[in-house]
């Protein structure tokens, strides 16, 4: 079976797009605190600003492409079910250890808030799906808190906090994050059990009371 060969113009377009993303990531790593813009990327890439805007019409488009590259290069992934929440945290933090320079640069990046926002847009629904079995019996406010806490723990800022302030090294940050998630999930499951117990139908409660009365 022959491989599909793209026309020259399409290959050139794809090459230019990848070059722009490569340069954007290089700026993030080499000068994370410097202002980030289409013009800055264009200058570093040896291209006209109009070319960068043609490939990425808005700042949001450029940031999305940069996030996708950082996500891939940092091996960031999100759980798809409850069992993966704890185990993935351990392996994810070990990946952060292996790519410390990139992860720290992304955290000190001048546009880090925008970059992390894109991670949250992927992570939040992933945790909602993964923890649906636990959250479905919880009040909406508790559901939001649980997802928020899990996202906070399962994050590069939490990894950095454990490394720098917690003075953990090697596998320790991953083990600590996994333990924290396990404790949080166990507490949430206990809350779910209480919620389900409190929602016993009224008829069942009345039947239980009559049975106890008859026993007396």
C-alpha atoms as a PDB file:
ATOM      1  CA  UNK A   1       0.000   0.000   0.000  1.00  0.00           C
ATOM      2  CA  UNK A   2       1.482   3.320  -1.086  1.00  0.00           C
ATOM      3  CA  UNK A   3       1.921   6.077   1.478  1.00  0.00           C
ATOM      4  CA  UNK A   4      -0.096   9.208   0.817  1.00  0.00           C
ATOM      5  CA  UNK A   5       2.109  12.026  -0.439  1.00  0.00           C
ATOM      6  CA  UNK A   6       0.817  15.514   0.266  1.00  0.00           C
ATOM      7  CA  UNK A   7       1.114  18.190  -2.422  1.00  0.00           C
ATOM      8  CA  UNK A   8       4.139  20.452  -2.046  1.00  0.00           C
ATOM      9  CA  UNK A   9       2.102  23.441  -0.864  1.00  0.00           C
ATOM     10  CA  UNK A  10       0.432  21.411   1.893  1.00  0.00           C
ATOM     11  CA  UNK A  11       3.792  19.982   2.990  1.00  0.00           C
ATOM     12  CA  UNK A  12       5.244  23.494   3.131  1.00  0.00           C
ATOM     13  CA  UNK A  13       2.267  24.749   5.133  1.00  0.00           C
ATOM     14  CA  UNK A  14       2.580  21.888   7.613  1.00  0.00           C
ATOM     15  CA  UNK A  15       6.348  22.436   7.888  1.00  0.00           C
ATOM     16  CA  UNK A  16       5.918  26.158   8.584  1.00  0.00           C
ATOM     17  CA  UNK A  17       3.250  25.469  11.187  1.00  0.00           C
ATOM     18  CA  UNK A  18       5.487  22.975  12.998  1.00  0.00           C
ATOM     19  CA  UNK A  19       8.407  25.394  12.822  1.00  0.00           C
ATOM     20  CA  UNK A  20       6.315  28.086  14.492  1.00  0.00           C
ATOM     21  CA  UNK A  21       5.305  25.705  17.288  1.00  0.00           C
ATOM     22  CA  UNK A  22       8.929  24.570  17.701  1.00  0.00           C
ATOM     23  CA  UNK A  23      10.054  28.171  18.107  1.00  0.00           C
ATOM     24  CA  UNK A  24       7.204  28.998  20.488  1.00  0.00           C
ATOM     25  CA  UNK A  25       8.228  26.089  22.699  1.00  0.00           C
ATOM     26  CA  UNK A  26      11.899  27.115  22.495  1.00  0.00           C
ATOM     27  CA  UNK A  27      10.964  30.598  23.688  1.00  0.00           C
ATOM     28  CA  UNK A  28       9.008  29.077  26.567  1.00  0.00           C
ATOM     29  CA  UNK A  29      12.004  26.988  27.648  1.00  0.00           C
ATOM     30  CA  UNK A  30      14.799  29.493  26.999  1.00  0.00           C
ATOM     31  CA  UNK A  31      13.130  32.751  28.025  1.00  0.00           C
ATOM     32  CA  UNK A  32       9.996  31.826  29.992  1.00  0.00           C
ATOM     33  CA  UNK A  33       9.625  35.166  31.761  1.00  0.00           C
ATOM     34  CA  UNK A  34       9.842  37.259  28.572  1.00  0.00           C
ATOM     35  CA  UNK A  35       6.590  38.588  27.042  1.00  0.00           C
ATOM     36  CA  UNK A  36       5.057  36.099  24.614  1.00  0.00           C
ATOM     37  CA  UNK A  37       3.348  37.178  21.398  1.00  0.00           C
ATOM     38  CA  UNK A  38       2.896  36.403  17.705  1.00  0.00           C
ATOM     39  CA  UNK A  39       5.461  39.079  16.924  1.00  0.00           C
ATOM     40  CA  UNK A  40       7.992  37.604  19.341  1.00  0.00           C
ATOM     41  CA  UNK A  41       7.574  34.146  17.812  1.00  0.00           C
ATOM     42  CA  UNK A  42       7.804  35.543  14.283  1.00  0.00           C
ATOM     43  CA  UNK A  43      11.059  37.363  15.052  1.00  0.00           C
ATOM     44  CA  UNK A  44      12.634  34.270  16.612  1.00  0.00           C
ATOM     45  CA  UNK A  45      11.397  32.061  13.767  1.00  0.00           C
ATOM     46  CA  UNK A  46      12.716  34.346  11.028  1.00  0.00           C
ATOM     47  CA  UNK A  47       9.207  34.833   9.660  1.00  0.00           C
ATOM     48  CA  UNK A  48       6.904  37.752   9.139  1.00  0.00           C
ATOM     49  CA  UNK A  49       4.269  38.320  11.792  1.00  0.00           C
ATOM     50  CA  UNK A  50       1.586  37.935   9.106  1.00  0.00           C
ATOM     51  CA  UNK A  51       2.786  34.388   8.456  1.00  0.00           C
ATOM     52  CA  UNK A  52       2.403  33.451  12.123  1.00  0.00           C
ATOM     53  CA  UNK A  53      -1.056  35.064  12.193  1.00  0.00           C
ATOM     54  CA  UNK A  54      -2.034  33.170   9.040  1.00  0.00           C
ATOM     55  CA  UNK A  55      -1.335  29.862  10.756  1.00  0.00           C
ATOM     56  CA  UNK A  56      -2.623  30.967  14.175  1.00  0.00           C
ATOM     57  CA  UNK A  57      -5.153  33.810  13.693  1.00  0.00           C
ATOM     58  CA  UNK A  58      -5.621  34.445  17.408  1.00  0.00           C
ATOM     59  CA  UNK A  59      -3.560  34.251  20.568  1.00  0.00           C
ATOM     60  CA  UNK A  60      -5.876  31.477  21.737  1.00  0.00           C
ATOM     61  CA  UNK A  61      -5.005  29.425  18.632  1.00  0.00           C
ATOM     62  CA  UNK A  62      -1.292  29.860  19.242  1.00  0.00           C
ATOM     63  CA  UNK A  63      -1.612  29.020  22.934  1.00  0.00           C
ATOM     64  CA  UNK A  64      -3.637  25.914  22.159  1.00  0.00           C
ATOM     65  CA  UNK A  65      -0.983  24.647  19.765  1.00  0.00           C
ATOM     66  CA  UNK A  66       1.743  25.397  22.309  1.00  0.00           C
ATOM     67  CA  UNK A  67      -0.195  23.600  25.065  1.00  0.00           C
ATOM     68  CA  UNK A  68      -0.613  20.526  22.851  1.00  0.00           C
ATOM     69  CA  UNK A  69       3.145  20.468  22.236  1.00  0.00           C
ATOM     70  CA  UNK A  70       3.984  20.916  25.933  1.00  0.00           C
ATOM     71  CA  UNK A  71       1.433  18.239  26.862  1.00  0.00           C
ATOM     72  CA  UNK A  72       2.989  15.786  24.413  1.00  0.00           C
ATOM     73  CA  UNK A  73       6.599  16.562  25.361  1.00  0.00           C
ATOM     74  CA  UNK A  74       5.899  16.425  29.104  1.00  0.00           C
ATOM     75  CA  UNK A  75       3.955  13.164  28.657  1.00  0.00           C
ATOM     76  CA  UNK A  76       0.945  14.723  30.375  1.00  0.00           C
ATOM     77  CA  UNK A  77      -2.150  12.546  30.345  1.00  0.00           C
ATOM     78  CA  UNK A  78      -5.360  12.422  32.307  1.00  0.00           C
ATOM     79  CA  UNK A  79      -7.182   9.431  33.815  1.00  0.00           C
ATOM     80  CA  UNK A  80     -10.129   7.854  32.028  1.00  0.00           C
ATOM     81  CA  UNK A  81     -11.480   5.877  34.985  1.00  0.00           C
ATOM     82  CA  UNK A  82     -11.361   5.800  38.779  1.00  0.00           C
ATOM     83  CA  UNK A  83      -8.602   3.178  38.992  1.00  0.00           C
ATOM     84  CA  UNK A  84      -6.241   5.349  36.944  1.00  0.00           C
ATOM     85  CA  UNK A  85      -6.572   8.463  39.110  1.00  0.00           C
ATOM     86  CA  UNK A  86      -4.154   7.296  41.813  1.00  0.00           C
ATOM     87  CA  UNK A  87      -1.782   5.258  39.625  1.00  0.00           C
ATOM     88  CA  UNK A  88      -1.474   7.925  36.930  1.00  0.00           C
ATOM     89  CA  UNK A  89      -0.460  10.561  39.495  1.00  0.00           C
ATOM     90  CA  UNK A  90       2.568   8.481  40.443  1.00  0.00           C
ATOM     91  CA  UNK A  91       3.724   7.965  36.850  1.00  0.00           C
ATOM     92  CA  UNK A  92       2.831  11.534  35.841  1.00  0.00           C
ATOM     93  CA  UNK A  93       5.006  13.056  38.552  1.00  0.00           C
ATOM     94  CA  UNK A  94       7.860  10.764  37.565  1.00  0.00           C
ATOM     95  CA  UNK A  95       7.486  12.071  34.001  1.00  0.00           C
ATOM     96  CA  UNK A  96       7.683  15.611  35.386  1.00  0.00           C
ATOM     97  CA  UNK A  97      10.921  14.624  37.159  1.00  0.00           C
ATOM     98  CA  UNK A  98      12.373  13.408  33.861  1.00  0.00           C
ATOM     99  CA  UNK A  99      11.389  16.648  32.110  1.00  0.00           C
ATOM    100  CA  UNK A 100      12.026  19.058  34.940  1.00  0.00           C
ATOM    101  CA  UNK A 101      13.390  21.860  32.766  1.00  0.00           C
ATOM    102  CA  UNK A 102      10.330  21.964  30.527  1.00  0.00           C
ATOM    103  CA  UNK A 103       7.881  21.670  33.429  1.00  0.00           C
ATOM    104  CA  UNK A 104       9.518  24.408  35.492  1.00  0.00           C
ATOM    105  CA  UNK A 105       9.758  26.686  32.458  1.00  0.00           C
ATOM    106  CA  UNK A 106       6.048  26.207  31.745  1.00  0.00           C
ATOM    107  CA  UNK A 107       5.244  27.179  35.348  1.00  0.00           C
ATOM    108  CA  UNK A 108       7.300  30.377  35.209  1.00  0.00           C
ATOM    109  CA  UNK A 109       6.171  31.161  31.652  1.00  0.00           C
ATOM    110  CA  UNK A 110       4.828  34.699  31.216  1.00  0.00           C
ATOM    111  CA  UNK A 111       1.643  33.173  29.756  1.00  0.00           C
ATOM    112  CA  UNK A 112       1.491  30.257  32.186  1.00  0.00           C
ATOM    113  CA  UNK A 113      -2.059  31.115  33.286  1.00  0.00           C
ATOM    114  CA  UNK A 114      -3.294  30.788  29.703  1.00  0.00           C
ATOM    115  CA  UNK A 115      -1.308  27.596  29.207  1.00  0.00           C
ATOM    116  CA  UNK A 116      -2.613  25.945  32.382  1.00  0.00           C
ATOM    117  CA  UNK A 117      -6.161  26.998  31.527  1.00  0.00           C
ATOM    118  CA  UNK A 118      -5.990  24.753  28.493  1.00  0.00           C
ATOM    119  CA  UNK A 119      -4.839  21.888  30.657  1.00  0.00           C
ATOM    120  CA  UNK A 120      -7.786  22.481  32.967  1.00  0.00           C
ATOM    121  CA  UNK A 121     -10.175  22.397  30.015  1.00  0.00           C
ATOM    122  CA  UNK A 122      -9.002  18.842  29.335  1.00  0.00           C
ATOM    123  CA  UNK A 123      -8.419  17.733  32.901  1.00  0.00           C
ATOM    124  CA  UNK A 124     -11.728  18.827  34.425  1.00  0.00           C
ATOM    125  CA  UNK A 125     -13.986  16.734  32.150  1.00  0.00           C
ATOM    126  CA  UNK A 126     -11.533  13.815  32.401  1.00  0.00           C
ATOM    127  CA  UNK A 127     -11.865  13.782  36.193  1.00  0.00           C
ATOM    128  CA  UNK A 128     -15.635  14.216  35.968  1.00  0.00           C
ATOM    129  CA  UNK A 129     -15.859  11.091  33.831  1.00  0.00           C
ATOM    130  CA  UNK A 130     -13.352   9.155  35.907  1.00  0.00           C
ATOM    131  CA  UNK A 131     -15.094   9.910  39.207  1.00  0.00           C
ATOM    132  CA  UNK A 132     -18.706   9.794  37.993  1.00  0.00           C
ATOM    133  CA  UNK A 133     -19.422   6.667  40.043  1.00  0.00           C
ATOM    134  CA  UNK A 134     -18.414   8.509  43.221  1.00  0.00           C
ATOM    135  CA  UNK A 135     -19.849  11.931  42.467  1.00  0.00           C
ATOM    136  CA  UNK A 136     -23.290  10.955  41.201  1.00  0.00           C
ATOM    137  CA  UNK A 137     -24.661  10.676  44.747  1.00  0.00           C
ATOM    138  CA  UNK A 138     -22.943  13.833  46.052  1.00  0.00           C
ATOM    139  CA  UNK A 139     -24.442  17.343  46.126  1.00  0.00           C
ATOM    140  CA  UNK A 140     -23.317  19.570  43.243  1.00  0.00           C
ATOM    141  CA  UNK A 141     -21.160  21.700  45.552  1.00  0.00           C
ATOM    142  CA  UNK A 142     -19.282  18.636  46.819  1.00  0.00           C
ATOM    143  CA  UNK A 143     -18.849  17.347  43.269  1.00  0.00           C
ATOM    144  CA  UNK A 144     -17.185  20.621  42.283  1.00  0.00           C
ATOM    145  CA  UNK A 145     -14.921  20.581  45.329  1.00  0.00           C
ATOM    146  CA  UNK A 146     -13.845  16.993  44.708  1.00  0.00           C
ATOM    147  CA  UNK A 147     -12.975  17.644  41.057  1.00  0.00           C
ATOM    148  CA  UNK A 148     -11.152  20.854  42.000  1.00  0.00           C
ATOM    149  CA  UNK A 149      -9.063  19.154  44.700  1.00  0.00           C
ATOM    150  CA  UNK A 150      -8.153  16.239  42.416  1.00  0.00           C
ATOM    151  CA  UNK A 151      -7.120  18.639  39.644  1.00  0.00           C
ATOM    152  CA  UNK A 152      -5.008  20.643  42.091  1.00  0.00           C
ATOM    153  CA  UNK A 153      -3.178  17.550  43.313  1.00  0.00           C
ATOM    154  CA  UNK A 154      -2.780  16.095  39.837  1.00  0.00           C
ATOM    155  CA  UNK A 155      -0.853  19.094  38.537  1.00  0.00           C
ATOM    156  CA  UNK A 156       2.588  20.472  37.802  1.00  0.00           C
ATOM    157  CA  UNK A 157       2.219  23.268  40.415  1.00  0.00           C
ATOM    158  CA  UNK A 158       1.559  20.638  43.109  1.00  0.00           C
ATOM    159  CA  UNK A 159       4.573  18.643  41.887  1.00  0.00           C
ATOM    160  CA  UNK A 160       6.714  21.769  42.170  1.00  0.00           C
ATOM    161  CA  UNK A 161       5.335  22.512  45.636  1.00  0.00           C
ATOM    162  CA  UNK A 162       6.241  19.037  46.852  1.00  0.00           C
ATOM    163  CA  UNK A 163       9.707  19.314  45.328  1.00  0.00           C
ATOM    164  CA  UNK A 164      10.594  22.818  46.517  1.00  0.00           C
ATOM    165  CA  UNK A 165       8.706  23.429  49.751  1.00  0.00           C
ATOM    166  CA  UNK A 166       8.167  19.837  50.739  1.00  0.00           C
ATOM    167  CA  UNK A 167      11.791  18.960  49.904  1.00  0.00           C
ATOM    168  CA  UNK A 168      10.726  15.660  48.347  1.00  0.00           C
ATOM    169  CA  UNK A 169      12.895  14.063  45.696  1.00  0.00           C
ATOM    170  CA  UNK A 170      12.948  11.143  43.304  1.00  0.00           C
ATOM    171  CA  UNK A 171       9.787   9.053  43.514  1.00  0.00           C
ATOM    172  CA  UNK A 172       8.583  10.834  46.659  1.00  0.00           C
ATOM    173  CA  UNK A 173       6.464  13.548  44.970  1.00  0.00           C
ATOM    174  CA  UNK A 174       4.589  10.931  42.961  1.00  0.00           C
ATOM    175  CA  UNK A 175       4.057   8.741  46.013  1.00  0.00           C
ATOM    176  CA  UNK A 176       2.833  11.732  48.029  1.00  0.00           C
ATOM    177  CA  UNK A 177       0.408  12.815  45.303  1.00  0.00           C
ATOM    178  CA  UNK A 178      -0.934   9.280  44.930  1.00  0.00           C
ATOM    179  CA  UNK A 179      -1.427   9.009  48.681  1.00  0.00           C
ATOM    180  CA  UNK A 180      -3.197  12.396  48.813  1.00  0.00           C
ATOM    181  CA  UNK A 181      -5.565  11.416  46.008  1.00  0.00           C
ATOM    182  CA  UNK A 182      -6.278   8.070  47.653  1.00  0.00           C
ATOM    183  CA  UNK A 183      -7.190   9.800  50.949  1.00  0.00           C
ATOM    184  CA  UNK A 184      -9.419  12.313  49.157  1.00  0.00           C
ATOM    185  CA  UNK A 185     -11.209   9.613  47.178  1.00  0.00           C
ATOM    186  CA  UNK A 186     -11.755   7.457  50.250  1.00  0.00           C
ATOM    187  CA  UNK A 187     -13.295  10.453  52.023  1.00  0.00           C
ATOM    188  CA  UNK A 188     -15.498  11.124  48.987  1.00  0.00           C
ATOM    189  CA  UNK A 189     -16.640   7.500  48.906  1.00  0.00           C
ATOM    190  CA  UNK A 190     -17.560   7.726  52.577  1.00  0.00           C
ATOM    191  CA  UNK A 191     -19.563  10.867  51.778  1.00  0.00           C
ATOM    192  CA  UNK A 192     -21.279   9.050  48.916  1.00  0.00           C
ATOM    193  CA  UNK A 193     -22.230   6.206  51.239  1.00  0.00           C
ATOM    194  CA  UNK A 194     -23.724   8.667  53.729  1.00  0.00           C
ATOM    195  CA  UNK A 195     -25.596  10.447  50.942  1.00  0.00           C
ATOM    196  CA  UNK A 196     -27.066   7.189  49.657  1.00  0.00           C
ATOM    197  CA  UNK A 197     -28.085   6.147  53.169  1.00  0.00           C
ATOM    198  CA  UNK A 198     -29.818   9.474  53.731  1.00  0.00           C
ATOM    199  CA  UNK A 199     -31.762   9.032  50.508  1.00  0.00           C
ATOM    200  CA  UNK A 200     -33.559   5.851  51.592  1.00  0.00           C
ATOM    201  CA  UNK A 201     -37.129   6.150  50.250  1.00  0.00           C
ATOM    202  CA  UNK A 202     -39.736   7.316  52.766  1.00  0.00           C
ATOM    203  CA  UNK A 203     -41.768   4.101  52.400  1.00  0.00           C
ATOM    204  CA  UNK A 204     -38.716   2.013  53.297  1.00  0.00           C
ATOM    205  CA  UNK A 205     -38.090   4.146  56.384  1.00  0.00           C
ATOM    206  CA  UNK A 206     -41.741   3.771  57.477  1.00  0.00           C
ATOM    207  CA  UNK A 207     -41.612   0.039  56.868  1.00  0.00           C
ATOM    208  CA  UNK A 208     -38.462  -0.179  58.970  1.00  0.00           C
ATOM    209  CA  UNK A 209     -40.074   1.725  61.800  1.00  0.00           C
ATOM    210  CA  UNK A 210     -43.186  -0.523  61.702  1.00  0.00           C
ATOM    211  CA  UNK A 211     -41.033  -3.656  61.748  1.00  0.00           C
ATOM    212  CA  UNK A 212     -39.101  -2.446  64.767  1.00  0.00           C
ATOM    213  CA  UNK A 213     -42.372  -1.542  66.507  1.00  0.00           C
ATOM    214  CA  UNK A 214     -43.830  -4.994  65.817  1.00  0.00           C
ATOM    215  CA  UNK A 215     -40.695  -6.638  67.190  1.00  0.00           C
ATOM    216  CA  UNK A 216     -41.259  -4.831  70.444  1.00  0.00           C
END
